[in-house]
């Protein structure tokens, strides 16, 4: 019987954030502007309603910063996202016994810049990004997991989820899957090594 493992990215494989190379004052302003408050814009971007260009224009206009300045740093940071090679090696090892799915709440920039730069298709059998799916993992009581259960032909009862978000883990558990809670990349490495 086939098994599957779903692996989150942010907070699970990496702690790198968007625009992290901006000078501190600008970085804090961008984080507060996009991630503070209700996060409606951010969530809509992650569901595919805006492109990275539109999001950078929105931030540039909102904060009075140069679009080109923001965009250049944004793209470079996407391309240079750090994932410990030891984590990727463990995922590659698990390919022998699991169908591996990178399932990330993320934007088009991840597909366009991060995946090719880090050659992530070499390590994962499948990659699911909320931007492309139009869905977050928590939408409609985990509809995305049910969709991937059909796509991979692996029952969720035979599947694991490595994630740092309790709400996502709870939904996965309710669907019959086995949740694996991580506190970050170092913890994730230990968990993957134990499988």
Protein backbone atom coordinates (compact mmCIF):
# COMPACT_ATOMS: atom_id res chain seq x y z
CA UNK A 1 0.00 0.00 0.00
CA UNK A 2 1.38 3.39 -1.05
CA UNK A 3 2.02 6.07 1.57
CA UNK A 4 2.22 9.84 1.16
CA UNK A 5 3.81 12.68 3.07
CA UNK A 6 2.67 16.28 2.68
CA UNK A 7 5.32 18.82 3.68
CA UNK A 8 4.73 22.52 4.34
CA UNK A 9 7.37 25.12 3.45
CA UNK A 10 7.20 28.34 5.53
CA UNK A 11 8.01 27.63 9.17
CA UNK A 12 8.64 23.97 8.33
CA UNK A 13 11.48 23.88 5.78
CA UNK A 14 12.56 27.52 6.01
CA UNK A 15 12.27 30.62 8.16
CA UNK A 16 13.27 33.00 5.35
CA UNK A 17 10.70 35.70 4.58
CA UNK A 18 9.88 37.86 1.58
CA UNK A 19 11.83 41.12 1.23
CA UNK A 20 14.19 39.98 4.02
CA UNK A 21 17.14 41.78 2.36
CA UNK A 22 15.51 45.21 2.57
CA UNK A 23 17.10 47.66 5.00
CA UNK A 24 15.51 47.14 8.42
CA UNK A 25 13.22 50.21 8.40
CA UNK A 26 11.74 49.32 4.98
CA UNK A 27 11.51 45.63 5.86
CA UNK A 28 9.53 46.34 9.03
CA UNK A 29 7.25 48.75 7.14
CA UNK A 30 6.55 46.16 4.41
CA UNK A 31 5.90 43.38 6.95
CA UNK A 32 3.49 45.61 8.91
CA UNK A 33 1.74 46.81 5.72
CA UNK A 34 1.15 43.32 4.26
CA UNK A 35 1.14 40.98 7.25
CA UNK A 36 -0.26 43.20 10.00
CA UNK A 37 -3.98 43.64 10.53
CA UNK A 38 -6.46 41.51 8.62
CA UNK A 39 -4.05 40.12 5.97
CA UNK A 40 -6.86 40.18 3.35
CA UNK A 41 -4.55 41.30 0.52
CA UNK A 42 -1.93 38.71 1.44
CA UNK A 43 -4.48 35.88 1.60
CA UNK A 44 -5.93 36.89 -1.76
CA UNK A 45 -2.47 36.98 -3.31
CA UNK A 46 -1.88 33.47 -1.94
CA UNK A 47 -5.17 32.34 -3.53
CA UNK A 48 -4.09 33.58 -6.97
CA UNK A 49 -6.06 36.84 -7.10
CA UNK A 50 -2.98 39.06 -7.61
CA UNK A 51 0.38 38.57 -9.31
CA UNK A 52 3.72 39.31 -7.64
CA UNK A 53 4.05 42.38 -9.84
CA UNK A 54 0.67 43.66 -8.62
CA UNK A 55 1.58 42.93 -4.99
CA UNK A 56 4.89 44.78 -5.26
CA UNK A 57 3.11 47.72 -6.91
CA UNK A 58 0.54 47.70 -4.10
CA UNK A 59 3.29 47.80 -1.46
CA UNK A 60 5.32 50.41 -3.36
CA UNK A 61 2.28 52.71 -3.69
CA UNK A 62 1.14 52.12 -0.12
CA UNK A 63 4.54 52.91 1.39
CA UNK A 64 5.87 55.44 -1.11
CA UNK A 65 8.77 53.20 -2.14
CA UNK A 66 10.22 52.60 -5.60
CA UNK A 67 8.66 49.62 -7.38
CA UNK A 68 11.96 48.66 -9.06
CA UNK A 69 13.80 48.78 -5.73
CA UNK A 70 11.21 46.50 -4.08
CA UNK A 71 10.90 44.18 -7.07
CA UNK A 72 14.63 43.53 -7.51
CA UNK A 73 15.10 42.62 -3.83
CA UNK A 74 11.90 40.58 -3.82
CA UNK A 75 12.98 38.42 -6.79
CA UNK A 76 16.51 37.88 -5.46
CA UNK A 77 15.15 36.88 -2.04
CA UNK A 78 12.76 34.40 -3.69
CA UNK A 79 15.62 32.86 -5.65
CA UNK A 80 17.84 32.65 -2.57
CA UNK A 81 15.36 31.17 -0.11
CA UNK A 82 17.37 28.96 2.25
CA UNK A 83 16.38 25.34 2.84
CA UNK A 84 18.97 23.21 4.63
CA UNK A 85 20.36 20.71 2.06
CA UNK A 86 20.10 18.02 4.78
CA UNK A 87 16.30 18.50 4.76
CA UNK A 88 16.19 18.07 0.99
CA UNK A 89 18.37 14.94 1.25
CA UNK A 90 15.92 13.44 3.76
CA UNK A 91 12.99 14.20 1.46
CA UNK A 92 14.85 12.56 -1.44
CA UNK A 93 15.42 9.49 0.76
CA UNK A 94 11.72 9.34 1.64
CA UNK A 95 10.86 9.23 -2.09
CA UNK A 96 11.63 5.53 -1.99
CA UNK A 97 8.77 4.77 0.43
CA UNK A 98 6.45 7.80 0.22
CA UNK A 99 4.78 9.91 -2.43
CA UNK A 100 6.24 13.31 -1.44
CA UNK A 101 4.14 16.44 -1.85
CA UNK A 102 5.36 19.94 -1.06
CA UNK A 103 2.12 21.70 -0.08
CA UNK A 104 2.64 25.38 0.57
CA UNK A 105 0.43 28.37 1.13
CA UNK A 106 2.40 30.53 -1.25
CA UNK A 107 2.32 32.92 -4.17
CA UNK A 108 3.22 32.84 -7.87
CA UNK A 109 6.75 34.00 -6.99
CA UNK A 110 7.40 30.61 -5.37
CA UNK A 111 6.53 28.78 -8.59
CA UNK A 112 8.27 31.31 -10.83
CA UNK A 113 11.49 31.95 -8.89
CA UNK A 114 12.00 29.68 -5.87
CA UNK A 115 11.15 26.24 -7.30
CA UNK A 116 13.48 26.57 -10.34
CA UNK A 117 16.29 28.27 -8.37
CA UNK A 118 16.32 25.52 -5.71
CA UNK A 119 15.50 22.74 -8.20
CA UNK A 120 12.72 21.57 -5.86
CA UNK A 121 11.13 19.29 -8.49
CA UNK A 122 14.20 17.07 -8.04
CA UNK A 123 13.20 16.35 -4.42
CA UNK A 124 9.39 16.24 -4.47
CA UNK A 125 7.09 14.02 -6.53
CA UNK A 126 4.47 16.79 -6.55
CA UNK A 127 4.30 20.47 -5.64
CA UNK A 128 1.02 22.14 -4.63
CA UNK A 129 0.99 25.93 -4.22
CA UNK A 130 -2.12 27.72 -2.96
CA UNK A 131 -1.73 30.42 -5.68
CA UNK A 132 -2.08 27.78 -8.41
CA UNK A 133 -4.80 25.85 -6.56
CA UNK A 134 -6.87 28.91 -5.62
CA UNK A 135 -7.20 27.32 -2.18
CA UNK A 136 -5.53 27.41 1.21
CA UNK A 137 -5.03 24.13 3.09
CA UNK A 138 -7.72 25.19 5.58
CA UNK A 139 -10.35 26.20 2.98
CA UNK A 140 -13.56 24.15 2.90
CA UNK A 141 -12.44 21.82 5.71
CA UNK A 142 -9.31 20.70 3.88
CA UNK A 143 -10.70 20.35 0.36
CA UNK A 144 -7.15 20.58 -0.99
CA UNK A 145 -6.10 17.41 0.87
CA UNK A 146 -9.11 15.52 -0.49
CA UNK A 147 -8.24 16.71 -3.99
CA UNK A 148 -4.68 15.43 -3.60
CA UNK A 149 -5.87 12.15 -2.10
CA UNK A 150 -7.63 11.53 -5.44
CA UNK A 151 -4.69 12.85 -7.49
CA UNK A 152 -2.10 10.62 -5.79
CA UNK A 153 -4.42 7.62 -5.23
CA UNK A 154 -3.06 7.46 -1.67
CA UNK A 155 -5.75 7.47 1.05
CA UNK A 156 -5.31 10.20 3.64
CA UNK A 157 -5.37 7.39 6.21
CA UNK A 158 -1.98 6.36 4.78
CA UNK A 159 -0.66 9.92 4.75
CA UNK A 160 1.43 12.16 7.00
CA UNK A 161 1.51 15.95 7.16
CA UNK A 162 4.55 17.86 8.41
CA UNK A 163 3.42 21.40 9.23
CA UNK A 164 3.90 24.12 11.87
CA UNK A 165 0.28 25.37 11.84
CA UNK A 166 -1.99 23.67 14.37
CA UNK A 167 -5.20 24.55 12.48
CA UNK A 168 -3.92 22.79 9.35
CA UNK A 169 -2.78 19.76 11.36
CA UNK A 170 -6.19 19.52 13.06
CA UNK A 171 -8.03 19.57 9.71
CA UNK A 172 -5.68 16.91 8.31
CA UNK A 173 -6.26 14.75 11.39
CA UNK A 174 -10.05 15.15 11.03
CA UNK A 175 -9.69 13.85 7.46
CA UNK A 176 -7.96 10.71 8.75
CA UNK A 177 -4.34 11.68 8.18
CA UNK A 178 -1.50 11.59 10.68
CA UNK A 179 -0.29 15.09 11.68
CA UNK A 180 3.36 15.76 12.52
CA UNK A 181 3.80 19.11 14.31
CA UNK A 182 7.09 20.91 13.78
CA UNK A 183 8.53 23.97 15.48
CA UNK A 184 10.84 24.79 12.55
CA UNK A 185 13.49 23.46 10.15
CA UNK A 186 15.74 21.92 12.85
CA UNK A 187 12.78 20.04 14.34
CA UNK A 188 11.59 19.06 10.84
CA UNK A 189 14.96 17.43 10.13
CA UNK A 190 14.68 15.31 13.26
CA UNK A 191 11.13 14.27 12.39
CA UNK A 192 12.02 13.35 8.79
CA UNK A 193 15.06 11.38 9.96
CA UNK A 194 12.82 9.35 12.26
CA UNK A 195 10.58 8.17 9.38
